[in-house]
Amino acid sequence: VQLQASGGGLVQAGGSLRLSCAASGRTFSSYVMGWFRQAPGKEREFVAAITRTGTSTMYADYVKGRFTISRNNAENTLYLQMNRLKPEDTAVYYCAAARTVFTTRRANEYDYWGQGTLVTVSS
C-alpha cells in the first residue's frame, strides 16, 4: 500500500489542523493505521493508532484528549484531527500501515510509511 499524507501547515498555538493520509490499493481496511511524528533533532515518536475497523484507538499521553484519529475505509483515508495545538507539537507527521491485528505504538511493527507532512505551531 502507498500512503500520501497531507494537511500540514502553520497554525497558532491553541488552533486546530486536520491531517489526512490517502492510501492506494484495495487493502486499506486490512491494515492497522498509525500516526507518528518527528521534531527537529528528535527521534520519531508515536502519536496515535487505530484498528482495521476503526472501533479501537490508542494515543500517546502527550496528545490524549487533544488529538483524534479516525479512518474511512470506503474512501481509503486516515485522519488525525489535532485541536488545542501547542508549540511542542511542531514536527513532521507521518502516517503508517501495519499488518498486525492490534494497534501498536512500535514503529518497527509498521510496514509502510507515507512521506510526511510538516506541522508548525507558533507561540
Protein backbone atom coordinates (compact mmCIF):
# COMPACT_ATOMS: atom_id res chain seq x y z
CA VAL A 1 0.00 0.00 0.00
CA GLN A 2 1.20 3.53 -0.80
CA LEU A 3 0.46 6.35 1.63
CA GLN A 4 0.25 10.10 0.99
CA ALA A 5 -0.05 12.43 3.97
CA SER A 6 -1.36 15.98 3.64
CA GLY A 7 -2.92 18.80 5.63
CA GLY A 8 0.07 20.18 7.47
CA GLY A 9 0.76 23.87 7.77
CA LEU A 10 1.41 26.79 10.08
CA VAL A 11 -1.04 27.40 12.91
CA GLN A 12 -1.02 29.44 16.10
CA ALA A 13 -0.95 27.78 19.48
CA GLY A 14 -4.45 26.78 20.51
CA GLY A 15 -5.52 26.29 16.92
CA SER A 16 -6.54 23.17 15.01
CA LEU A 17 -5.48 21.20 11.96
CA ARG A 18 -6.72 18.02 10.33
CA LEU A 19 -4.23 15.74 8.67
CA SER A 20 -5.24 13.25 6.01
CA CYS A 21 -3.49 10.16 4.71
CA ALA A 22 -4.70 8.77 1.40
CA ALA A 23 -3.93 5.12 0.75
CA SER A 24 -3.72 3.43 -2.62
CA GLY A 25 -4.89 -0.09 -3.30
CA ARG A 26 -7.87 -2.10 -2.19
CA THR A 27 -6.44 -3.46 1.05
CA PHE A 28 -6.53 -0.34 3.24
CA SER A 29 -9.08 -1.90 5.57
CA SER A 30 -6.76 -4.81 6.30
CA TYR A 31 -4.14 -2.59 7.99
CA VAL A 32 -3.84 -1.14 11.43
CA MET A 33 -3.01 2.52 10.84
CA GLY A 34 -0.94 4.91 12.87
CA TRP A 35 0.41 8.43 13.06
CA PHE A 36 3.95 9.23 14.16
CA ARG A 37 5.86 12.48 14.32
CA GLN A 38 9.45 13.64 14.31
CA ALA A 39 10.54 17.02 15.59
CA PRO A 40 13.84 18.59 14.52
CA GLY A 41 16.72 16.94 16.33
CA LYS A 42 14.50 14.37 17.99
CA GLU A 43 13.61 10.76 17.41
CA ARG A 44 10.39 9.73 15.75
CA GLU A 45 7.62 9.17 18.28
CA PHE A 46 4.23 7.54 18.32
CA VAL A 47 1.13 9.72 18.21
CA ALA A 48 -1.94 7.53 17.67
CA ALA A 49 -3.16 4.26 16.14
CA ILE A 50 -6.48 2.79 15.06
CA THR A 51 -7.67 -0.74 14.43
CA ARG A 52 -8.65 -2.02 11.00
CA THR A 53 -12.34 -1.42 11.58
CA GLY A 54 -11.85 1.84 13.45
CA THR A 55 -13.53 0.57 16.59
CA SER A 56 -10.50 0.94 18.84
CA THR A 57 -7.87 3.64 19.14
CA MET A 58 -4.66 4.26 21.05
CA TYR A 59 -2.99 7.58 21.88
CA ALA A 60 0.27 8.81 23.30
CA ASP A 61 -0.23 10.56 26.62
CA TYR A 62 1.02 13.87 25.27
CA VAL A 63 -1.82 14.11 22.70
CA LYS A 64 -4.61 12.32 24.53
CA GLY A 65 -7.70 14.49 24.80
CA ARG A 66 -6.47 16.87 22.07
CA PHE A 67 -5.98 14.65 19.02
CA THR A 68 -8.44 12.21 17.41
CA ILE A 69 -7.54 9.51 14.94
CA SER A 70 -10.18 8.16 12.57
CA ARG A 71 -10.47 6.36 9.28
CA ASN A 72 -12.85 5.98 6.36
CA ASN A 73 -12.30 2.58 4.80
CA ALA A 74 -14.70 3.27 1.96
CA GLU A 75 -12.51 6.21 0.93
CA ASN A 76 -9.16 4.63 1.86
CA THR A 77 -8.33 7.59 4.08
CA LEU A 78 -6.88 8.04 7.55
CA TYR A 79 -7.33 11.25 9.54
CA LEU A 80 -5.80 12.98 12.51
CA GLN A 81 -7.80 15.84 13.99
CA MET A 82 -5.50 17.99 16.09
CA ASN A 83 -7.01 20.51 18.49
CA ARG A 84 -5.51 22.82 21.09
CA LEU A 85 -2.17 22.63 19.36
CA LYS A 86 0.98 23.51 21.26
CA PRO A 87 4.39 24.66 20.01
CA GLU A 88 5.80 21.31 21.13
CA ASP A 89 3.51 19.60 18.59
CA THR A 90 5.68 21.07 15.83
CA ALA A 91 7.02 18.15 13.78
CA VAL A 92 6.79 16.26 10.54
CA TYR A 93 3.83 13.91 10.86
CA TYR A 94 3.89 10.51 9.19
CA CYS A 95 1.12 8.02 8.58
CA ALA A 96 1.94 4.33 8.59
CA ALA A 97 0.28 0.96 7.97
CA ALA A 98 0.85 -2.23 9.94
CA ARG A 99 -0.09 -5.82 9.14
CA THR A 100 -0.95 -6.52 12.73
CA VAL A 101 -4.14 -7.50 14.47
CA PHE A 102 -3.99 -4.99 17.30
CA THR A 103 -2.95 -1.35 17.49
CA THR A 104 0.70 -0.83 18.26
CA ARG A 105 2.91 2.12 19.18
CA ARG A 106 6.08 0.39 17.96
CA ALA A 107 7.37 1.96 14.78
CA ASN A 108 9.20 -1.21 13.76
CA GLU A 109 5.87 -3.03 13.53
CA TYR A 110 4.66 -0.73 10.75
CA ASP A 111 5.34 -1.93 7.23
CA TYR A 112 4.51 1.07 5.07
CA TRP A 113 5.11 4.79 5.60
CA GLY A 114 3.92 7.97 3.98
CA GLN A 115 6.25 10.82 3.09
CA GLY A 116 5.28 13.12 5.98
CA THR A 117 3.61 16.48 6.28
CA LEU A 118 5.02 19.39 8.28
CA VAL A 119 3.04 20.91 11.13
CA THR A 120 4.37 24.12 12.64
CA VAL A 121 2.73 25.62 15.73
CA SER A 122 3.73 29.16 16.58
CA SER A 123 3.59 30.54 20.11
